Every structure is written in C-alpha cells, then in structure tokens.
PDB file of all heavy atoms in Angstrom:
ATOM      1  N   ALA A   1       0.831  -1.208   0.002  1.00  0.00           N
ATOM      2  CA  ALA A   1       0.001  -0.001   0.000  1.00  0.00           C
ATOM      3  C   ALA A   1       0.862   1.255   0.000  1.00  0.00           C
ATOM      4  O   ALA A   1       0.570   2.233  -0.699  1.00  0.00           O
ATOM      5  CB  ALA A   1      -0.933  -0.003   1.214  1.00  0.00           C
ATOM      6  N   MET A   2       1.960   1.230   0.759  1.00  0.00           N
ATOM      7  CA  MET A   2       2.847   2.392   0.803  1.00  0.00           C
ATOM      8  C   MET A   2       3.594   2.590  -0.507  1.00  0.00           C
ATOM      9  O   MET A   2       4.093   3.684  -0.780  1.00  0.00           O
ATOM     10  CB  MET A   2       3.843   2.244   1.954  1.00  0.00           C
ATOM     11  CG  MET A   2       3.206   2.284   3.332  1.00  0.00           C
ATOM     12  SD  MET A   2       4.416   2.471   4.680  1.00  0.00           S
ATOM     13  CE  MET A   2       5.370   0.961   4.527  1.00  0.00           C
ATOM     14  N   MET A   3       3.678   1.538  -1.314  1.00  0.00           N
ATOM     15  CA  MET A   3       4.355   1.642  -2.610  1.00  0.00           C
ATOM     16  C   MET A   3       3.482   2.314  -3.666  1.00  0.00           C
ATOM     17  O   MET A   3       3.905   2.461  -4.819  1.00  0.00           O
ATOM     18  CB  MET A   3       4.755   0.247  -3.098  1.00  0.00           C
ATOM     19  CG  MET A   3       5.894  -0.394  -2.321  1.00  0.00           C
ATOM     20  SD  MET A   3       7.497   0.368  -2.674  1.00  0.00           S
ATOM     21  CE  MET A   3       7.785  -0.243  -4.344  1.00  0.00           C
ATOM     22  N   GLY A   4       2.291   2.725  -3.313  1.00  0.00           N
ATOM     23  CA  GLY A   4       1.382   3.348  -4.276  1.00  0.00           C
ATOM     24  C   GLY A   4       1.993   4.537  -4.996  1.00  0.00           C
ATOM     25  O   GLY A   4       1.779   4.727  -6.201  1.00  0.00           O
ATOM     26  N   VAL A   5       2.763   5.351  -4.268  1.00  0.00           N
ATOM     27  CA  VAL A   5       3.360   6.529  -4.901  1.00  0.00           C
ATOM     28  C   VAL A   5       4.351   6.122  -5.989  1.00  0.00           C
ATOM     29  O   VAL A   5       4.455   6.796  -7.030  1.00  0.00           O
ATOM     30  CB  VAL A   5       4.045   7.421  -3.842  1.00  0.00           C
ATOM     31  CG1 VAL A   5       5.216   6.705  -3.180  1.00  0.00           C
ATOM     32  CG2 VAL A   5       4.520   8.734  -4.466  1.00  0.00           C
ATOM     33  N   ILE A   6       5.064   5.019  -5.792  1.00  0.00           N
ATOM     34  CA  ILE A   6       6.009   4.548  -6.806  1.00  0.00           C
ATOM     35  C   ILE A   6       5.273   4.092  -8.052  1.00  0.00           C
ATOM     36  O   ILE A   6       5.663   4.403  -9.187  1.00  0.00           O
ATOM     37  CB  ILE A   6       6.895   3.424  -6.243  1.00  0.00           C
ATOM     38  CG1 ILE A   6       7.589   3.873  -4.952  1.00  0.00           C
ATOM     39  CG2 ILE A   6       7.900   2.958  -7.290  1.00  0.00           C
ATOM     40  CD1 ILE A   6       8.472   5.090  -5.119  1.00  0.00           C
ATOM     41  N   HIS A   7       4.171   3.357  -7.859  1.00  0.00           N
ATOM     42  CA  HIS A   7       3.368   2.923  -9.001  1.00  0.00           C
ATOM     43  C   HIS A   7       2.790   4.137  -9.744  1.00  0.00           C
ATOM     44  O   HIS A   7       2.704   4.134 -10.978  1.00  0.00           O
ATOM     45  CB  HIS A   7       2.234   2.010  -8.534  1.00  0.00           C
ATOM     46  CG  HIS A   7       2.711   0.673  -8.039  1.00  0.00           C
ATOM     47  ND1 HIS A   7       3.088  -0.343  -8.886  1.00  0.00           N
ATOM     48  CD2 HIS A   7       2.870   0.189  -6.788  1.00  0.00           C
ATOM     49  CE1 HIS A   7       3.449  -1.395  -8.182  1.00  0.00           C
ATOM     50  NE2 HIS A   7       3.333  -1.099  -6.896  1.00  0.00           N
ATOM     51  N   SER A   8       2.409   5.161  -8.978  1.00  0.00           N
ATOM     52  CA  SER A   8       1.863   6.369  -9.609  1.00  0.00           C
ATOM     53  C   SER A   8       2.908   7.074 -10.454  1.00  0.00           C
ATOM     54  O   SER A   8       2.641   7.479 -11.591  1.00  0.00           O
ATOM     55  CB  SER A   8       1.324   7.324  -8.536  1.00  0.00           C
ATOM     56  OG  SER A   8       0.253   6.739  -7.825  1.00  0.00           O
ATOM     57  N   LEU A   9       4.115   7.217  -9.901  1.00  0.00           N
ATOM     58  CA  LEU A   9       5.190   7.871 -10.653  1.00  0.00           C
ATOM     59  C   LEU A   9       5.554   7.062 -11.897  1.00  0.00           C
ATOM     60  O   LEU A   9       5.795   7.627 -12.963  1.00  0.00           O
ATOM     61  CB  LEU A   9       6.414   8.049  -9.755  1.00  0.00           C
ATOM     62  CG  LEU A   9       6.289   9.080  -8.634  1.00  0.00           C
ATOM     63  CD1 LEU A   9       7.485   9.005  -7.689  1.00  0.00           C
ATOM     64  CD2 LEU A   9       6.162  10.492  -9.204  1.00  0.00           C
ATOM     65  N   GLU A  10       5.580   5.745 -11.759  1.00  0.00           N
ATOM     66  CA  GLU A  10       5.887   4.900 -12.912  1.00  0.00           C
ATOM     67  C   GLU A  10       4.830   5.047 -13.988  1.00  0.00           C
ATOM     68  O   GLU A  10       5.137   5.068 -15.194  1.00  0.00           O
ATOM     69  CB  GLU A  10       6.003   3.437 -12.463  1.00  0.00           C
ATOM     70  CG  GLU A  10       6.528   2.475 -13.507  1.00  0.00           C
ATOM     71  CD  GLU A  10       5.438   1.890 -14.397  1.00  0.00           C
ATOM     72  OE1 GLU A  10       4.259   1.912 -13.985  1.00  0.00           O
ATOM     73  OE2 GLU A  10       5.769   1.423 -15.495  1.00  0.00           O
ATOM     74  N   GLY A  11       3.590   5.187 -13.552  1.00  0.00           N
ATOM     75  CA  GLY A  11       2.494   5.294 -14.504  1.00  0.00           C
ATOM     76  C   GLY A  11       2.534   6.543 -15.357  1.00  0.00           C
ATOM     77  O   GLY A  11       1.977   6.560 -16.463  1.00  0.00           O
ATOM     78  N   VAL A  12       3.187   7.598 -14.869  1.00  0.00           N
ATOM     79  CA  VAL A  12       3.278   8.843 -15.644  1.00  0.00           C
ATOM     80  C   VAL A  12       4.694   9.048 -16.187  1.00  0.00           C
ATOM     81  O   VAL A  12       5.089  10.158 -16.527  1.00  0.00           O
ATOM     82  CB  VAL A  12       2.838  10.061 -14.803  1.00  0.00           C
ATOM     83  CG1 VAL A  12       1.356   9.951 -14.463  1.00  0.00           C
ATOM     84  CG2 VAL A  12       3.679  10.202 -13.531  1.00  0.00           C
ATOM     85  N   GLY A  13       5.474   7.949 -16.220  1.00  0.00           N
ATOM     86  CA  GLY A  13       6.794   8.017 -16.830  1.00  0.00           C
ATOM     87  C   GLY A  13       7.866   8.666 -15.990  1.00  0.00           C
ATOM     88  O   GLY A  13       8.906   9.059 -16.527  1.00  0.00           O
ATOM     89  N   GLN A  14       7.655   8.780 -14.676  1.00  0.00           N
ATOM     90  CA  GLN A  14       8.638   9.438 -13.822  1.00  0.00           C
ATOM     91  C   GLN A  14       9.378   8.460 -12.917  1.00  0.00           C
ATOM     92  O   GLN A  14      10.059   8.871 -11.969  1.00  0.00           O
ATOM     93  CB  GLN A  14       7.961  10.526 -12.981  1.00  0.00           C
ATOM     94  CG  GLN A  14       7.397  11.659 -13.818  1.00  0.00           C
ATOM     95  CD  GLN A  14       6.805  12.768 -12.977  1.00  0.00           C
ATOM     96  OE1 GLN A  14       7.089  12.876 -11.783  1.00  0.00           O
ATOM     97  NE2 GLN A  14       5.982  13.594 -13.585  1.00  0.00           N
ATOM     98  N   TRP A  15       9.249   7.170 -13.182  1.00  0.00           N
ATOM     99  CA  TRP A  15       9.974   6.179 -12.386  1.00  0.00           C
ATOM    100  C   TRP A  15      10.275   4.988 -13.268  1.00  0.00           C
ATOM    101  O   TRP A  15       9.447   4.579 -14.076  1.00  0.00           O
ATOM    102  CB  TRP A  15       9.144   5.729 -11.186  1.00  0.00           C
ATOM    103  CG  TRP A  15       9.966   4.988 -10.158  1.00  0.00           C
ATOM    104  CD1 TRP A  15      10.275   3.665 -10.139  1.00  0.00           C
ATOM    105  CD2 TRP A  15      10.586   5.557  -8.999  1.00  0.00           C
ATOM    106  NE1 TRP A  15      11.059   3.358  -9.057  1.00  0.00           N
ATOM    107  CE2 TRP A  15      11.259   4.495  -8.325  1.00  0.00           C
ATOM    108  CE3 TRP A  15      10.643   6.841  -8.463  1.00  0.00           C
ATOM    109  CZ2 TRP A  15      11.986   4.698  -7.148  1.00  0.00           C
ATOM    110  CZ3 TRP A  15      11.353   7.030  -7.294  1.00  0.00           C
ATOM    111  CH2 TRP A  15      12.009   5.981  -6.639  1.00  0.00           C
ATOM    112  N   GLN A  16      11.480   4.428 -13.113  1.00  0.00           N
ATOM    113  CA  GLN A  16      11.839   3.221 -13.836  1.00  0.00           C
ATOM    114  C   GLN A  16      12.315   2.168 -12.852  1.00  0.00           C
ATOM    115  O   GLN A  16      12.796   2.496 -11.757  1.00  0.00           O
ATOM    116  CB  GLN A  16      12.925   3.506 -14.873  1.00  0.00           C
ATOM    117  CG  GLN A  16      14.161   4.201 -14.345  1.00  0.00           C
ATOM    118  CD  GLN A  16      15.151   4.500 -15.461  1.00  0.00           C
ATOM    119  OE1 GLN A  16      15.633   3.597 -16.128  1.00  0.00           O
ATOM    120  NE2 GLN A  16      15.424   5.784 -15.663  1.00  0.00           N
ATOM    121  N   PRO A  17      12.164   0.882 -13.189  1.00  0.00           N
ATOM    122  CA  PRO A  17      12.456  -0.171 -12.216  1.00  0.00           C
ATOM    123  C   PRO A  17      13.923  -0.326 -11.853  1.00  0.00           C
ATOM    124  O   PRO A  17      14.235  -0.903 -10.813  1.00  0.00           O
ATOM    125  CB  PRO A  17      11.919  -1.439 -12.898  1.00  0.00           C
ATOM    126  CG  PRO A  17      11.886  -1.104 -14.351  1.00  0.00           C
ATOM    127  CD  PRO A  17      11.585   0.360 -14.428  1.00  0.00           C
ATOM    128  N   ASP A  18      14.843   0.169 -12.675  1.00  0.00           N
ATOM    129  CA  ASP A  18      16.261   0.049 -12.354  1.00  0.00           C
ATOM    130  C   ASP A  18      16.607   0.898 -11.135  1.00  0.00           C
ATOM    131  O   ASP A  18      16.270   2.088 -11.066  1.00  0.00           O
ATOM    132  CB  ASP A  18      17.117   0.493 -13.539  1.00  0.00           C
ATOM    133  CG  ASP A  18      16.959  -0.423 -14.743  1.00  0.00           C
ATOM    134  OD1 ASP A  18      16.625  -1.613 -14.534  1.00  0.00           O
ATOM    135  OD2 ASP A  18      17.145   0.047 -15.882  1.00  0.00           O
ATOM    136  N   ARG A  19      17.305   0.289 -10.171  1.00  0.00           N
ATOM    137  CA  ARG A  19      17.663   1.009  -8.953  1.00  0.00           C
ATOM    138  C   ARG A  19      18.694   2.101  -9.230  1.00  0.00           C
ATOM    139  O   ARG A  19      19.515   1.994 -10.135  1.00  0.00           O
ATOM    140  CB  ARG A  19      18.228   0.033  -7.916  1.00  0.00           C
ATOM    141  CG  ARG A  19      17.185  -0.859  -7.304  1.00  0.00           C
ATOM    142  CD  ARG A  19      17.761  -1.730  -6.204  1.00  0.00           C
ATOM    143  NE  ARG A  19      18.649  -2.757  -6.718  1.00  0.00           N
ATOM    144  CZ  ARG A  19      19.911  -2.906  -6.355  1.00  0.00           C
ATOM    145  NH1 ARG A  19      20.455  -2.073  -5.493  1.00  0.00           N
ATOM    146  NH2 ARG A  19      20.644  -3.879  -6.848  1.00  0.00           N
ATOM    147  N   GLY A  20      18.632   3.152  -8.425  1.00  0.00           N
ATOM    148  CA  GLY A  20      19.608   4.223  -8.512  1.00  0.00           C
ATOM    149  C   GLY A  20      19.485   5.101  -9.729  1.00  0.00           C
ATOM    150  O   GLY A  20      20.442   5.783 -10.103  1.00  0.00           O
ATOM    151  N   GLN A  21      18.293   5.122 -10.332  1.00  0.00           N
ATOM    152  CA  GLN A  21      18.090   5.914 -11.540  1.00  0.00           C
ATOM    153  C   GLN A  21      16.970   6.941 -11.391  1.00  0.00           C
ATOM    154  O   GLN A  21      16.637   7.628 -12.352  1.00  0.00           O
ATOM    155  CB  GLN A  21      17.747   4.989 -12.721  1.00  0.00           C
ATOM    156  CG  GLN A  21      18.764   3.907 -12.987  1.00  0.00           C
ATOM    157  CD  GLN A  21      20.126   4.459 -13.365  1.00  0.00           C
ATOM    158  OE1 GLN A  21      20.222   5.390 -14.165  1.00  0.00           O
ATOM    159  NE2 GLN A  21      21.171   3.899 -12.791  1.00  0.00           N
ATOM    160  N   ASN A  22      16.425   7.055 -10.180  1.00  0.00           N
ATOM    161  CA  ASN A  22      15.205   7.853  -9.997  1.00  0.00           C
ATOM    162  C   ASN A  22      15.399   8.973  -8.987  1.00  0.00           C
ATOM    163  O   ASN A  22      16.408   9.028  -8.274  1.00  0.00           O
ATOM    164  CB  ASN A  22      14.074   6.930  -9.555  1.00  0.00           C
ATOM    165  CG  ASN A  22      13.795   5.833 -10.564  1.00  0.00           C
ATOM    166  OD1 ASN A  22      13.241   6.069 -11.623  1.00  0.00           O
ATOM    167  ND2 ASN A  22      14.213   4.605 -10.232  1.00  0.00           N
ATOM    168  N   MET A  23      14.411   9.825  -8.923  1.00  0.00           N
ATOM    169  CA  MET A  23      14.508  11.015  -8.084  1.00  0.00           C
ATOM    170  C   MET A  23      14.672  10.673  -6.605  1.00  0.00           C
ATOM    171  O   MET A  23      15.425  11.340  -5.888  1.00  0.00           O
ATOM    172  CB  MET A  23      13.249  11.876  -8.269  1.00  0.00           C
ATOM    173  CG  MET A  23      13.219  13.125  -7.401  1.00  0.00           C
ATOM    174  SD  MET A  23      11.754  14.129  -7.691  1.00  0.00           S
ATOM    175  CE  MET A  23      10.452  13.051  -7.071  1.00  0.00           C
ATOM    176  N   LEU A  24      13.992   9.629  -6.119  1.00  0.00           N
ATOM    177  CA  LEU A  24      13.954   9.360  -4.691  1.00  0.00           C
ATOM    178  C   LEU A  24      14.799   8.169  -4.260  1.00  0.00           C
ATOM    179  O   LEU A  24      14.715   7.752  -3.107  1.00  0.00           O
ATOM    180  CB  LEU A  24      12.494   9.138  -4.241  1.00  0.00           C
ATOM    181  CG  LEU A  24      11.529  10.307  -4.462  1.00  0.00           C
ATOM    182  CD1 LEU A  24      10.115   9.905  -4.069  1.00  0.00           C
ATOM    183  CD2 LEU A  24      11.976  11.529  -3.664  1.00  0.00           C
ATOM    184  N   ASP A  25      15.578   7.584  -5.159  1.00  0.00           N
ATOM    185  CA  ASP A  25      16.355   6.398  -4.788  1.00  0.00           C
ATOM    186  C   ASP A  25      17.860   6.628  -4.852  1.00  0.00           C
ATOM    187  O   ASP A  25      18.641   5.676  -4.907  1.00  0.00           O
ATOM    188  CB  ASP A  25      15.964   5.202  -5.674  1.00  0.00           C
ATOM    189  CG  ASP A  25      16.301   5.405  -7.150  1.00  0.00           C
ATOM    190  OD1 ASP A  25      16.842   6.477  -7.503  1.00  0.00           O
ATOM    191  OD2 ASP A  25      16.025   4.489  -7.942  1.00  0.00           O
ATOM    192  N   GLY A  26      18.276   7.882  -4.816  1.00  0.00           N
ATOM    193  CA  GLY A  26      19.697   8.202  -4.877  1.00  0.00           C
ATOM    194  C   GLY A  26      20.209   8.474  -6.270  1.00  0.00           C
ATOM    195  O   GLY A  26      21.372   8.851  -6.447  1.00  0.00           O
ATOM    196  N   GLY A  27      19.348   8.310  -7.278  1.00  0.00           N
ATOM    197  CA  GLY A  27      19.769   8.562  -8.646  1.00  0.00           C
ATOM    198  C   GLY A  27      19.962  10.035  -8.939  1.00  0.00           C
ATOM    199  O   GLY A  27      20.837  10.418  -9.719  1.00  0.00           O
ATOM    200  N   ALA A  28      19.157  10.877  -8.298  1.00  0.00           N
ATOM    201  CA  ALA A  28      19.251  12.324  -8.513  1.00  0.00           C
ATOM    202  C   ALA A  28      20.315  12.914  -7.597  1.00  0.00           C
ATOM    203  O   ALA A  28      20.358  12.603  -6.400  1.00  0.00           O
ATOM    204  CB  ALA A  28      17.903  12.989  -8.244  1.00  0.00           C
TER     205      ALA A  28
END
C-alpha cells in the first residue's frame, strides 16, 4: 500500500524499475 506513490510515478513516466536511476532512490 505504501508503494502506491512509486506505481503512480511509474504510470506517468517518472519512475523506472532500475535502482539508482530515480529522483527518490539516490539517482538524482
């Protein structure tokens, strides 16, 4: 349930499954 925000970001093209490539996972 807490992962909902990640699914939302992925749905609008703002998240990818590869680690370390996103705004909130240390990629930025």
